[in-house]
C-alpha atoms as a PDB file:
ATOM      1  CA  MET A   1      65.938 124.354 -42.757  1.00  0.00           C
ATOM      2  CA  LYS A   2      62.448 122.974 -42.900  1.00  0.00           C
ATOM      3  CA  ALA A   3      59.756 125.372 -42.961  1.00  0.00           C
ATOM      4  CA  ILE A   4      55.640 125.629 -43.491  1.00  0.00           C
ATOM      5  CA  VAL A   5      55.763 127.367 -46.974  1.00  0.00           C
ATOM      6  CA  HIS A   6      52.961 129.162 -48.947  1.00  0.00           C
ATOM      7  CA  ALA A   7      53.033 128.361 -52.671  1.00  0.00           C
ATOM      8  CA  GLU A   8      51.451 127.273 -55.749  1.00  0.00           C
ATOM      9  CA  ASN A   9      47.636 127.507 -54.388  1.00  0.00           C
ATOM     10  CA  ALA A  10      45.221 129.763 -52.246  1.00  0.00           C
ATOM     11  CA  GLY A  11      44.644 128.536 -48.735  1.00  0.00           C
ATOM     12  CA  VAL A  12      45.984 126.023 -46.604  1.00  0.00           C
ATOM     13  CA  ALA A  13      45.979 123.549 -49.488  1.00  0.00           C
ATOM     14  CA  GLY A  14      48.671 125.690 -50.994  1.00  0.00           C
ATOM     15  CA  LEU A  15      50.723 125.187 -47.904  1.00  0.00           C
ATOM     16  CA  SER A  16      53.686 122.666 -47.633  1.00  0.00           C
ATOM     17  CA  TYR A  17      56.307 121.324 -45.021  1.00  0.00           C
ATOM     18  CA  ARG A  18      59.585 121.758 -47.311  1.00  0.00           C
ATOM     19  CA  GLU A  19      63.211 122.355 -46.996  1.00  0.00           C
ATOM     20  CA  MET A  20      64.181 125.872 -47.353  1.00  0.00           C
ATOM     21  CA  GLU A  21      67.517 127.738 -47.990  1.00  0.00           C
ATOM     22  CA  GLU A  22      69.188 129.202 -44.450  1.00  0.00           C
ATOM     23  CA  MET A  23      70.749 132.723 -45.146  1.00  0.00           C
ATOM     24  CA  LEU A  24      72.762 134.926 -43.266  1.00  0.00           C
ATOM     25  CA  PRO A  25      71.659 138.121 -41.631  1.00  0.00           C
ATOM     26  CA  ASN A  26      72.999 141.368 -43.297  1.00  0.00           C
ATOM     27  CA  VAL A  27      74.070 144.279 -41.910  1.00  0.00           C
ATOM     28  CA  GLY A  28      71.631 145.477 -38.572  1.00  0.00           C
ATOM     29  CA  GLU A  29      69.707 142.181 -39.097  1.00  0.00           C
ATOM     30  CA  VAL A  30      70.347 139.076 -36.548  1.00  0.00           C
ATOM     31  CA  ARG A  31      69.147 135.140 -37.052  1.00  0.00           C
ATOM     32  CA  ILE A  32      67.358 133.420 -34.649  1.00  0.00           C
ATOM     33  CA  LYS A  33      66.951 129.639 -33.923  1.00  0.00           C
ATOM     34  CA  LEU A  34      63.163 129.168 -33.087  1.00  0.00           C
ATOM     35  CA  LYS A  35      61.865 127.253 -29.994  1.00  0.00           C
ATOM     36  CA  THR A  36      58.450 127.920 -30.664  1.00  0.00           C
ATOM     37  CA  ALA A  37      55.797 130.002 -32.661  1.00  0.00           C
ATOM     38  CA  GLY A  38      52.533 131.062 -32.607  1.00  0.00           C
ATOM     39  CA  LEU A  39      49.101 130.638 -35.159  1.00  0.00           C
ATOM     40  CA  ASN A  40      47.103 133.880 -35.777  1.00  0.00           C
ATOM     41  CA  HIS A  41      44.127 134.251 -37.656  1.00  0.00           C
ATOM     42  CA  ARG A  42      46.356 136.885 -39.667  1.00  0.00           C
ATOM     43  CA  ASP A  43      47.801 133.499 -41.008  1.00  0.00           C
ATOM     44  CA  LEU A  44      44.488 132.458 -42.158  1.00  0.00           C
ATOM     45  CA  PHE A  45      43.965 136.007 -43.918  1.00  0.00           C
ATOM     46  CA  VAL A  46      47.571 135.548 -45.481  1.00  0.00           C
ATOM     47  CA  LEU A  47      46.490 132.346 -47.105  1.00  0.00           C
ATOM     48  CA  ASN A  48      43.064 133.204 -48.011  1.00  0.00           C
ATOM     49  CA  ARG A  49      43.077 137.070 -49.173  1.00  0.00           C
ATOM     50  CA  HIS A  50      46.776 136.971 -50.903  1.00  0.00           C
ATOM     51  CA  LEU A  51      48.202 135.074 -54.121  1.00  0.00           C
ATOM     52  CA  PRO A  52      50.640 132.532 -53.442  1.00  0.00           C
ATOM     53  CA  THR A  53      54.100 134.185 -53.909  1.00  0.00           C
ATOM     54  CA  ASP A  54      57.050 133.428 -56.341  1.00  0.00           C
ATOM     55  CA  PRO A  55      59.765 132.618 -54.743  1.00  0.00           C
ATOM     56  CA  PRO A  56      57.446 130.740 -51.889  1.00  0.00           C
ATOM     57  CA  LEU A  57      56.768 132.464 -48.684  1.00  0.00           C
ATOM     58  CA  ILE A  58      57.360 131.087 -45.415  1.00  0.00           C
ATOM     59  CA  ILE A  59      54.400 132.137 -43.026  1.00  0.00           C
ATOM     60  CA  GLY A  60      53.822 133.048 -39.569  1.00  0.00           C
ATOM     61  CA  SER A  61      54.416 136.163 -37.359  1.00  0.00           C
ATOM     62  CA  ASP A  62      54.816 135.052 -33.925  1.00  0.00           C
ATOM     63  CA  GLY A  63      58.178 133.164 -32.225  1.00  0.00           C
ATOM     64  CA  ALA A  64      60.516 133.088 -29.648  1.00  0.00           C
ATOM     65  CA  GLY A  65      64.016 131.324 -29.759  1.00  0.00           C
ATOM     66  CA  ILE A  66      67.687 132.503 -29.347  1.00  0.00           C
ATOM     67  CA  VAL A  67      70.095 134.454 -31.480  1.00  0.00           C
ATOM     68  CA  ASP A  68      72.265 132.355 -33.350  1.00  0.00           C
ATOM     69  CA  ALA A  69      73.822 134.780 -35.473  1.00  0.00           C
ATOM     70  CA  VAL A  70      74.161 138.612 -36.002  1.00  0.00           C
ATOM     71  CA  GLY A  71      74.981 141.021 -38.612  1.00  0.00           C
ATOM     72  CA  GLU A  72      77.503 143.702 -39.041  1.00  0.00           C
ATOM     73  CA  GLY A  73      76.328 146.696 -36.784  1.00  0.00           C
ATOM     74  CA  VAL A  74      74.785 144.949 -34.440  1.00  0.00           C
ATOM     75  CA  THR A  75      75.168 145.777 -31.087  1.00  0.00           C
ATOM     76  CA  ASN A  76      71.932 145.665 -28.799  1.00  0.00           C
ATOM     77  CA  VAL A  77      71.645 141.850 -29.570  1.00  0.00           C
ATOM     78  CA  GLN A  78      74.425 139.301 -29.121  1.00  0.00           C
ATOM     79  CA  ILE A  79      74.365 135.714 -29.942  1.00  0.00           C
ATOM     80  CA  GLY A  80      72.918 133.622 -27.315  1.00  0.00           C
ATOM     81  CA  ASP A  81      70.277 136.083 -26.461  1.00  0.00           C
ATOM     82  CA  GLU A  82      66.614 134.498 -25.413  1.00  0.00           C
ATOM     83  CA  VAL A  83      64.120 136.714 -27.570  1.00  0.00           C
ATOM     84  CA  ILE A  84      60.775 137.091 -28.605  1.00  0.00           C
ATOM     85  CA  ILE A  85      59.632 138.523 -32.092  1.00  0.00           C
ATOM     86  CA  ASN A  86      58.141 141.758 -32.118  1.00  0.00           C
ATOM     87  CA  PRO A  87      56.082 140.998 -35.442  1.00  0.00           C
ATOM     88  CA  GLY A  88      55.603 144.910 -36.346  1.00  0.00           C
ATOM     89  CA  LEU A  89      58.205 146.154 -38.908  1.00  0.00           C
ATOM     90  CA  GLY A  90      58.573 149.874 -38.997  1.00  0.00           C
ATOM     91  CA  TRP A  91      56.286 150.778 -36.324  1.00  0.00           C
ATOM     92  CA  LYS A  92      58.509 152.232 -33.452  1.00  0.00           C
ATOM     93  CA  GLU A  93      56.682 155.073 -31.310  1.00  0.00           C
ATOM     94  CA  ASN A  94      52.720 154.911 -30.481  1.00  0.00           C
ATOM     95  CA  SER A  95      50.930 157.037 -32.744  1.00  0.00           C
ATOM     96  CA  GLU A  96      46.892 157.476 -33.939  1.00  0.00           C
ATOM     97  CA  ALA A  97      47.823 154.776 -37.007  1.00  0.00           C
ATOM     98  CA  PRO A  98      50.618 152.935 -38.372  1.00  0.00           C
ATOM     99  CA  PRO A  99      53.425 154.749 -40.589  1.00  0.00           C
ATOM    100  CA  LYS A 100      53.206 154.000 -44.427  1.00  0.00           C
ATOM    101  CA  GLU A 101      56.053 151.865 -44.214  1.00  0.00           C
ATOM    102  CA  PHE A 102      54.626 149.582 -41.592  1.00  0.00           C
ATOM    103  CA  ASP A 103      54.833 145.521 -42.474  1.00  0.00           C
ATOM    104  CA  ILE A 104      53.774 142.433 -40.589  1.00  0.00           C
ATOM    105  CA  VAL A 105      56.563 139.440 -40.276  1.00  0.00           C
ATOM    106  CA  GLY A 106      55.026 136.765 -42.465  1.00  0.00           C
ATOM    107  CA  LEU A 107      54.038 139.194 -45.560  1.00  0.00           C
ATOM    108  CA  PRO A 108      55.663 140.328 -47.392  1.00  0.00           C
ATOM    109  CA  GLY A 109      58.754 139.073 -45.695  1.00  0.00           C
ATOM    110  CA  HIS A 110      59.637 135.187 -44.563  1.00  0.00           C
ATOM    111  CA  GLY A 111      57.768 134.507 -41.248  1.00  0.00           C
ATOM    112  CA  THR A 112      58.022 132.623 -37.945  1.00  0.00           C
ATOM    113  CA  PHE A 113      56.951 128.792 -39.282  1.00  0.00           C
ATOM    114  CA  SER A 114      60.512 127.689 -39.660  1.00  0.00           C
ATOM    115  CA  GLU A 115      63.640 126.333 -37.830  1.00  0.00           C
ATOM    116  CA  LYS A 116      65.091 129.819 -38.302  1.00  0.00           C
ATOM    117  CA  ILE A 117      64.447 133.486 -38.886  1.00  0.00           C
ATOM    118  CA  ILE A 118      66.291 136.553 -40.298  1.00  0.00           C
ATOM    119  CA  LEU A 119      65.102 140.117 -38.829  1.00  0.00           C
ATOM    120  CA  PRO A 120      65.939 143.577 -37.757  1.00  0.00           C
ATOM    121  CA  ALA A 121      67.825 143.538 -34.634  1.00  0.00           C
ATOM    122  CA  GLU A 122      65.432 145.709 -33.254  1.00  0.00           C
ATOM    123  CA  ASN A 123      62.435 143.231 -33.691  1.00  0.00           C
ATOM    124  CA  ALA A 124      64.486 140.662 -31.695  1.00  0.00           C
ATOM    125  CA  VAL A 125      63.107 141.529 -28.132  1.00  0.00           C
ATOM    126  CA  PRO A 126      64.176 140.008 -24.468  1.00  0.00           C
ATOM    127  CA  LYS A 127      62.108 137.013 -23.626  1.00  0.00           C
ATOM    128  CA  PRO A 128      60.072 138.137 -20.609  1.00  0.00           C
ATOM    129  CA  THR A 129      61.513 135.463 -17.684  1.00  0.00           C
ATOM    130  CA  HIS A 130      58.487 134.350 -16.165  1.00  0.00           C
ATOM    131  CA  LEU A 131      57.372 132.942 -19.560  1.00  0.00           C
ATOM    132  CA  THR A 132      58.215 129.254 -20.891  1.00  0.00           C
ATOM    133  CA  TRP A 133      59.269 129.108 -24.397  1.00  0.00           C
ATOM    134  CA  GLU A 134      55.694 127.581 -25.185  1.00  0.00           C
ATOM    135  CA  GLU A 135      54.120 131.185 -23.869  1.00  0.00           C
ATOM    136  CA  ALA A 136      56.744 133.105 -25.013  1.00  0.00           C
ATOM    137  CA  GLY A 137      56.334 132.001 -28.630  1.00  0.00           C
ATOM    138  CA  VAL A 138      52.694 133.066 -28.809  1.00  0.00           C
ATOM    139  CA  LEU A 139      52.564 135.970 -27.082  1.00  0.00           C
ATOM    140  CA  ALA A 140      53.540 139.091 -29.071  1.00  0.00           C
ATOM    141  CA  LEU A 141      50.909 139.587 -32.086  1.00  0.00           C
ATOM    142  CA  PRO A 142      48.107 138.898 -29.831  1.00  0.00           C
ATOM    143  CA  ALA A 143      48.991 140.175 -26.700  1.00  0.00           C
ATOM    144  CA  LEU A 144      50.284 143.575 -28.322  1.00  0.00           C
ATOM    145  CA  THR A 145      46.873 143.704 -30.245  1.00  0.00           C
ATOM    146  CA  ALA A 146      44.993 143.027 -27.389  1.00  0.00           C
ATOM    147  CA  TYR A 147      46.965 145.945 -25.393  1.00  0.00           C
ATOM    148  CA  ARG A 148      46.554 148.668 -28.028  1.00  0.00           C
ATOM    149  CA  ALA A 149      42.763 147.821 -28.108  1.00  0.00           C
ATOM    150  CA  LEU A 150      42.107 148.132 -24.818  1.00  0.00           C
ATOM    151  CA  PHE A 151      44.206 150.568 -23.330  1.00  0.00           C
ATOM    152  CA  THR A 152      45.531 152.586 -26.188  1.00  0.00           C
ATOM    153  CA  ARG A 153      42.202 152.973 -28.091  1.00  0.00           C
ATOM    154  CA  GLY A 154      39.560 152.038 -25.509  1.00  0.00           C
ATOM    155  CA  LYS A 155      41.041 153.718 -22.774  1.00  0.00           C
ATOM    156  CA  LEU A 156      39.756 150.882 -20.264  1.00  0.00           C
ATOM    157  CA  SER A 157      40.228 151.859 -16.395  1.00  0.00           C
ATOM    158  CA  ALA A 158      39.518 150.362 -13.150  1.00  0.00           C
ATOM    159  CA  GLY A 159      35.806 150.290 -12.274  1.00  0.00           C
ATOM    160  CA  LYS A 160      34.667 149.925 -15.936  1.00  0.00           C
ATOM    161  CA  THR A 161      32.415 147.678 -17.549  1.00  0.00           C
ATOM    162  CA  LEU A 162      33.795 145.800 -20.807  1.00  0.00           C
ATOM    163  CA  LEU A 163      31.932 143.218 -22.745  1.00  0.00           C
ATOM    164  CA  ILE A 164      33.879 141.021 -25.033  1.00  0.00           C
ATOM    165  CA  PRO A 165      31.901 138.979 -27.736  1.00  0.00           C
ATOM    166  CA  GLY A 166      33.370 135.535 -28.920  1.00  0.00           C
ATOM    167  CA  ILE A 167      35.553 134.837 -25.992  1.00  0.00           C
ATOM    168  CA  GLY A 168      38.312 132.019 -27.161  1.00  0.00           C
ATOM    169  CA  SER A 169      40.920 133.449 -29.241  1.00  0.00           C
ATOM    170  CA  GLY A 170      44.316 134.305 -28.006  1.00  0.00           C
ATOM    171  CA  VAL A 171      43.506 138.242 -28.292  1.00  0.00           C
ATOM    172  CA  ALA A 172      40.250 137.666 -26.454  1.00  0.00           C
ATOM    173  CA  THR A 173      41.745 135.742 -23.690  1.00  0.00           C
ATOM    174  CA  PHE A 174      44.282 138.370 -23.219  1.00  0.00           C
ATOM    175  CA  ILE A 175      41.856 140.911 -23.326  1.00  0.00           C
ATOM    176  CA  LEU A 176      40.054 139.633 -20.283  1.00  0.00           C
ATOM    177  CA  GLN A 177      43.199 139.124 -18.402  1.00  0.00           C
ATOM    178  CA  PHE A 178      44.555 142.328 -18.806  1.00  0.00           C
ATOM    179  CA  ALA A 179      40.912 143.920 -18.177  1.00  0.00           C
ATOM    180  CA  LYS A 180      40.639 142.031 -14.663  1.00  0.00           C
ATOM    181  CA  ALA A 181      44.321 143.268 -14.021  1.00  0.00           C
ATOM    182  CA  ALA A 182      43.181 146.692 -14.663  1.00  0.00           C
ATOM    183  CA  GLY A 183      40.350 146.277 -12.208  1.00  0.00           C
ATOM    184  CA  ALA A 184      37.393 146.278 -14.658  1.00  0.00           C
ATOM    185  CA  THR A 185      34.120 144.117 -14.343  1.00  0.00           C
ATOM    186  CA  VAL A 186      34.325 141.681 -17.650  1.00  0.00           C
ATOM    187  CA  TYR A 187      31.502 140.005 -19.797  1.00  0.00           C
ATOM    188  CA  VAL A 188      32.122 137.749 -22.250  1.00  0.00           C
ATOM    189  CA  THR A 189      29.863 135.775 -24.972  1.00  0.00           C
ATOM    190  CA  SER A 190      30.515 132.523 -26.549  1.00  0.00           C
ATOM    191  CA  ARG A 191      28.176 129.603 -28.101  1.00  0.00           C
ATOM    192  CA  SER A 192      29.980 127.010 -26.517  1.00  0.00           C
ATOM    193  CA  GLN A 193      28.918 126.147 -22.880  1.00  0.00           C
ATOM    194  CA  GLU A 194      32.551 125.149 -22.445  1.00  0.00           C
ATOM    195  CA  LYS A 195      34.264 128.383 -23.518  1.00  0.00           C
ATOM    196  CA  CYS A 196      31.720 130.241 -21.258  1.00  0.00           C
ATOM    197  CA  GLN A 197      32.994 127.918 -18.138  1.00  0.00           C
ATOM    198  CA  LEU A 198      36.622 128.701 -18.967  1.00  0.00           C
ATOM    199  CA  ALA A 199      36.421 132.321 -19.321  1.00  0.00           C
ATOM    200  CA  LEU A 200      34.412 132.207 -15.905  1.00  0.00           C
ATOM    201  CA  GLU A 201      37.699 129.819 -14.591  1.00  0.00           C
ATOM    202  CA  LEU A 202      39.730 133.002 -16.099  1.00  0.00           C
ATOM    203  CA  GLY A 203      38.313 135.575 -14.547  1.00  0.00           C
ATOM    204  CA  ALA A 204      35.419 136.816 -16.454  1.00  0.00           C
ATOM    205  CA  ASP A 205      32.448 138.257 -14.221  1.00  0.00           C
ATOM    206  CA  LYS A 206      29.773 136.758 -16.479  1.00  0.00           C
ATOM    207  CA  ALA A 207      29.515 134.438 -19.575  1.00  0.00           C
ATOM    208  CA  ILE A 208      26.498 134.248 -21.743  1.00  0.00           C
ATOM    209  CA  ASP A 209      25.185 132.545 -24.588  1.00  0.00           C
ATOM    210  CA  SER A 210      26.229 134.452 -28.006  1.00  0.00           C
ATOM    211  CA  ASN A 211      22.857 133.128 -29.436  1.00  0.00           C
ATOM    212  CA  GLY A 212      20.811 134.163 -26.445  1.00  0.00           C
ATOM    213  CA  ASP A 213      19.313 137.723 -25.670  1.00  0.00           C
ATOM    214  CA  TRP A 214      22.380 139.622 -24.443  1.00  0.00           C
ATOM    215  CA  ASP A 215      20.024 142.606 -22.635  1.00  0.00           C
ATOM    216  CA  GLN A 216      18.025 139.951 -20.685  1.00  0.00           C
ATOM    217  CA  ALA A 217      20.843 137.557 -19.693  1.00  0.00           C
ATOM    218  CA  LEU A 218      22.921 140.511 -18.511  1.00  0.00           C
ATOM    219  CA  SER A 219      19.544 142.437 -17.054  1.00  0.00           C
ATOM    220  CA  GLY A 220      19.727 145.358 -19.055  1.00  0.00           C
ATOM    221  CA  GLU A 221      23.124 146.542 -17.719  1.00  0.00           C
ATOM    222  CA  LYS A 222      25.351 148.469 -20.602  1.00  0.00           C
ATOM    223  CA  ALA A 223      28.844 147.848 -21.000  1.00  0.00           C
ATOM    224  CA  ASP A 224      31.214 151.065 -21.070  1.00  0.00           C
ATOM    225  CA  LEU A 225      33.489 149.612 -23.686  1.00  0.00           C
ATOM    226  CA  VAL A 226      33.156 146.608 -26.030  1.00  0.00           C
ATOM    227  CA  ILE A 227      35.921 145.125 -27.864  1.00  0.00           C
ATOM    228  CA  GLU A 228      34.557 143.712 -31.285  1.00  0.00           C
ATOM    229  CA  SER A 229      36.571 140.959 -33.652  1.00  0.00           C
ATOM    230  CA  VAL A 230      33.459 139.029 -34.726  1.00  0.00           C
ATOM    231  CA  GLY A 231      32.015 141.604 -36.976  1.00  0.00           C
ATOM    232  CA  ALA A 232      28.590 141.419 -38.748  1.00  0.00           C
ATOM    233  CA  ALA A 233      27.116 138.314 -36.486  1.00  0.00           C
ATOM    234  CA  THR A 234      27.557 140.634 -33.569  1.00  0.00           C
ATOM    235  CA  PHE A 235      27.938 143.754 -34.060  1.00  0.00           C
ATOM    236  CA  HIS A 236      24.378 145.032 -33.520  1.00  0.00           C
ATOM    237  CA  LYS A 237      24.084 142.944 -30.421  1.00  0.00           C
ATOM    238  CA  SER A 238      27.253 144.793 -29.239  1.00  0.00           C
ATOM    239  CA  LEU A 239      26.273 148.474 -30.011  1.00  0.00           C
ATOM    240  CA  ASN A 240      22.940 147.744 -28.263  1.00  0.00           C
ATOM    241  CA  GLN A 241      24.549 146.616 -24.946  1.00  0.00           C
ATOM    242  CA  LEU A 242      26.837 149.720 -25.246  1.00  0.00           C
ATOM    243  CA  ARG A 243      25.847 152.605 -22.875  1.00  0.00           C
ATOM    244  CA  PRO A 244      25.106 156.377 -24.305  1.00  0.00           C
ATOM    245  CA  GLY A 245      28.603 157.557 -24.943  1.00  0.00           C
ATOM    246  CA  GLY A 246      30.361 154.189 -24.984  1.00  0.00           C
ATOM    247  CA  THR A 247      33.151 152.875 -27.235  1.00  0.00           C
ATOM    248  CA  ILE A 248      32.980 150.029 -29.585  1.00  0.00           C
ATOM    249  CA  VAL A 249      36.766 149.192 -30.521  1.00  0.00           C
ATOM    250  CA  ALA A 250      36.932 146.964 -33.576  1.00  0.00           C
ATOM    251  CA  PHE A 251      40.116 145.172 -34.279  1.00  0.00           C
ATOM    252  CA  GLY A 252      38.964 142.293 -36.771  1.00  0.00           C
ATOM    253  CA  ALA A 253      35.763 140.635 -38.607  1.00  0.00           C
ATOM    254  CA  SER A 254      35.963 136.748 -38.329  1.00  0.00           C
ATOM    255  CA  ALA A 255      32.396 136.869 -39.269  1.00  0.00           C
ATOM    256  CA  GLY A 256      32.094 139.168 -41.601  1.00  0.00           C
ATOM    257  CA  ASP A 257      33.629 142.437 -42.769  1.00  0.00           C
ATOM    258  CA  GLU A 258      30.274 144.785 -43.890  1.00  0.00           C
ATOM    259  CA  ILE A 259      27.639 145.744 -41.766  1.00  0.00           C
ATOM    260  CA  GLN A 260      24.297 148.046 -42.136  1.00  0.00           C
ATOM    261  CA  LEU A 261      24.383 150.800 -39.808  1.00  0.00           C
ATOM    262  CA  ASN A 262      21.296 153.211 -38.403  1.00  0.00           C
ATOM    263  CA  LEU A 263      23.381 156.511 -38.260  1.00  0.00           C
ATOM    264  CA  ARG A 264      20.440 157.964 -36.251  1.00  0.00           C
ATOM    265  CA  ASP A 265      20.442 155.772 -33.744  1.00  0.00           C
ATOM    266  CA  PHE A 266      24.306 155.627 -33.446  1.00  0.00           C
ATOM    267  CA  PHE A 267      24.454 159.557 -33.195  1.00  0.00           C
ATOM    268  CA  TYR A 268      21.675 159.916 -30.793  1.00  0.00           C
ATOM    269  CA  GLY A 269      23.751 157.561 -28.748  1.00  0.00           C
ATOM    270  CA  GLN A 270      26.625 159.359 -28.744  1.00  0.00           C
ATOM    271  CA  PHE A 271      28.688 156.372 -29.187  1.00  0.00           C
ATOM    272  CA  ASN A 272      32.347 156.491 -30.493  1.00  0.00           C
ATOM    273  CA  LEU A 273      33.508 153.788 -32.935  1.00  0.00           C
ATOM    274  CA  LEU A 274      37.100 152.904 -33.344  1.00  0.00           C
ATOM    275  CA  GLY A 275      39.531 150.794 -34.994  1.00  0.00           C
ATOM    276  CA  SER A 276      42.547 149.146 -33.787  1.00  0.00           C
ATOM    277  CA  THR A 277      45.359 146.866 -35.348  1.00  0.00           C
ATOM    278  CA  MET A 278      48.605 145.346 -33.623  1.00  0.00           C
ATOM    279  CA  GLY A 279      50.577 148.049 -31.965  1.00  0.00           C
ATOM    280  CA  SER A 280      53.927 149.792 -31.821  1.00  0.00           C
ATOM    281  CA  ALA A 281      57.021 148.917 -30.749  1.00  0.00           C
ATOM    282  CA  GLU A 282      56.648 151.340 -27.698  1.00  0.00           C
ATOM    283  CA  GLU A 283      53.514 149.623 -27.104  1.00  0.00           C
ATOM    284  CA  LEU A 284      55.024 146.356 -27.313  1.00  0.00           C
ATOM    285  CA  SER A 285      57.372 147.521 -24.314  1.00  0.00           C
ATOM    286  CA  GLU A 286      54.522 148.785 -22.355  1.00  0.00           C
ATOM    287  CA  MET A 287      52.677 145.408 -22.631  1.00  0.00           C
ATOM    288  CA  ILE A 288      55.723 143.387 -21.398  1.00  0.00           C
ATOM    289  CA  ASP A 289      55.960 145.360 -18.403  1.00  0.00           C
ATOM    290  CA  PHE A 290      52.254 145.285 -17.861  1.00  0.00           C
ATOM    291  CA  ILE A 291      52.437 141.358 -17.969  1.00  0.00           C
ATOM    292  CA  GLU A 292      55.220 140.880 -15.881  1.00  0.00           C
ATOM    293  CA  SER A 293      54.138 143.575 -13.695  1.00  0.00           C
ATOM    294  CA  HIS A 294      50.747 141.406 -13.151  1.00  0.00           C
ATOM    295  CA  LYS A 295      52.405 137.774 -14.029  1.00  0.00           C
ATOM    296  CA  ILE A 296      49.967 137.355 -16.990  1.00  0.00           C
ATOM    297  CA  LYS A 297      50.790 134.351 -19.081  1.00  0.00           C
ATOM    298  CA  PRO A 298      49.285 133.281 -22.038  1.00  0.00           C
ATOM    299  CA  VAL A 299      46.444 130.480 -22.432  1.00  0.00           C
ATOM    300  CA  ILE A 300      47.332 127.601 -24.346  1.00  0.00           C
ATOM    301  CA  ASP A 301      45.283 125.842 -26.318  1.00  0.00           C
ATOM    302  CA  GLN A 302      47.211 123.214 -28.244  1.00  0.00           C
ATOM    303  CA  PHE A 303      50.908 122.768 -29.709  1.00  0.00           C
ATOM    304  CA  PHE A 304      51.689 121.023 -32.820  1.00  0.00           C
ATOM    305  CA  THR A 305      54.683 120.143 -34.616  1.00  0.00           C
ATOM    306  CA  LEU A 306      55.446 122.138 -38.225  1.00  0.00           C
ATOM    307  CA  ASN A 307      54.714 118.980 -40.014  1.00  0.00           C
ATOM    308  CA  GLN A 308      51.223 118.827 -38.161  1.00  0.00           C
ATOM    309  CA  PHE A 309      50.303 122.483 -39.600  1.00  0.00           C
ATOM    310  CA  GLU A 310      47.005 120.906 -41.217  1.00  0.00           C
ATOM    311  CA  GLN A 311      45.743 120.075 -37.994  1.00  0.00           C
ATOM    312  CA  ALA A 312      46.746 123.154 -36.250  1.00  0.00           C
ATOM    313  CA  PHE A 313      44.997 125.354 -39.139  1.00  0.00           C
ATOM    314  CA  GLU A 314      41.999 123.239 -38.984  1.00  0.00           C
ATOM    315  CA  ARG A 315      41.503 123.570 -35.455  1.00  0.00           C
ATOM    316  CA  LEU A 316      41.878 127.587 -35.981  1.00  0.00           C
ATOM    317  CA  ASN A 317      39.542 127.722 -38.786  1.00  0.00           C
ATOM    318  CA  LYS A 318      36.765 125.664 -36.851  1.00  0.00           C
ATOM    319  CA  ALA A 319      37.321 128.041 -34.027  1.00  0.00           C
ATOM    320  CA  GLU A 320      37.538 125.398 -31.593  1.00  0.00           C
ATOM    321  CA  GLN A 321      40.400 126.710 -29.554  1.00  0.00           C
ATOM    322  CA  PHE A 322      40.167 128.512 -26.186  1.00  0.00           C
ATOM    323  CA  GLY A 323      43.571 130.368 -26.374  1.00  0.00           C
ATOM    324  CA  LYS A 324      46.726 130.003 -28.521  1.00  0.00           C
ATOM    325  CA  ILE A 325      47.510 127.474 -30.872  1.00  0.00           C
ATOM    326  CA  GLY A 326      51.070 127.188 -31.397  1.00  0.00           C
ATOM    327  CA  PHE A 327      54.146 124.885 -33.076  1.00  0.00           C
ATOM    328  CA  SER A 328      57.052 123.533 -31.346  1.00  0.00           C
ATOM    329  CA  ILE A 329      59.954 123.716 -33.364  1.00  0.00           C
ATOM    330  CA  LYS A 330      62.334 120.620 -32.843  1.00  0.00           C
ATOM    331  CA  ASP A 331      66.484 121.069 -32.889  1.00  0.00           C
END
């Protein structure tokens, strides 16, 4: 089978599109013939922060397809089932933090940028019927990340005001759609006028220039909740837009991992700073119920074939996308 494989060198330079051995599922596992897969910032993290592996590693965490083989003892999944992949391994119930055994598909085990993948049967989840294959293949990791950050950690409810710095990623576009469905007021920022306009069309109440004066652009209005994924480049502006007693939830740091924080200003402001990362199988089920009841679909940016991986990673690395980048996997 064909796959995008990480070997030899760090970064995208270490990727190749090559033939890999096709395996059969073991006890409790299923094999899925993938139709689509989703590209995430995690995939860049894997390439840039982890040394190439021996044997080579198939990367990728999101995907959707049809079950074509089941291992011994599997009763909840059948050949022919249309499924999406829950990329979280070993995190079943909602909890304050993931268990020690928690892993994500695509590292350390093989991932979804392949014609087929073998996973525990519990990670094959019925495909939401209102989604196309392209939409289903890019759903799970970003939508689950958005759901946990917004609702489990951020406790967003109707009537609250949310700020999303750096609109454009798959997670950020899900956060915008989820928050509007929940009845919140949503403000976003971007350096791109085009992305600001697209965010307004998606439902944002205001979209402002990330490089400008946020307080002036928002007429001094403060947010109840900020969902931060940019990091060092925006964190202090985000904190400045938070009302006293408000909450920042951070799930990423695409523009820098480290910040300096004035603790006196922080504790006088009675602020809350929470971390978040992906989510549990229980939250995935809740998220799917939420998108089905509100008929929410992923925002699709662009799809590529697996052998066009260099163009796909370049688009993601340059932050040119609005919504999700994906791969179509041909039969």
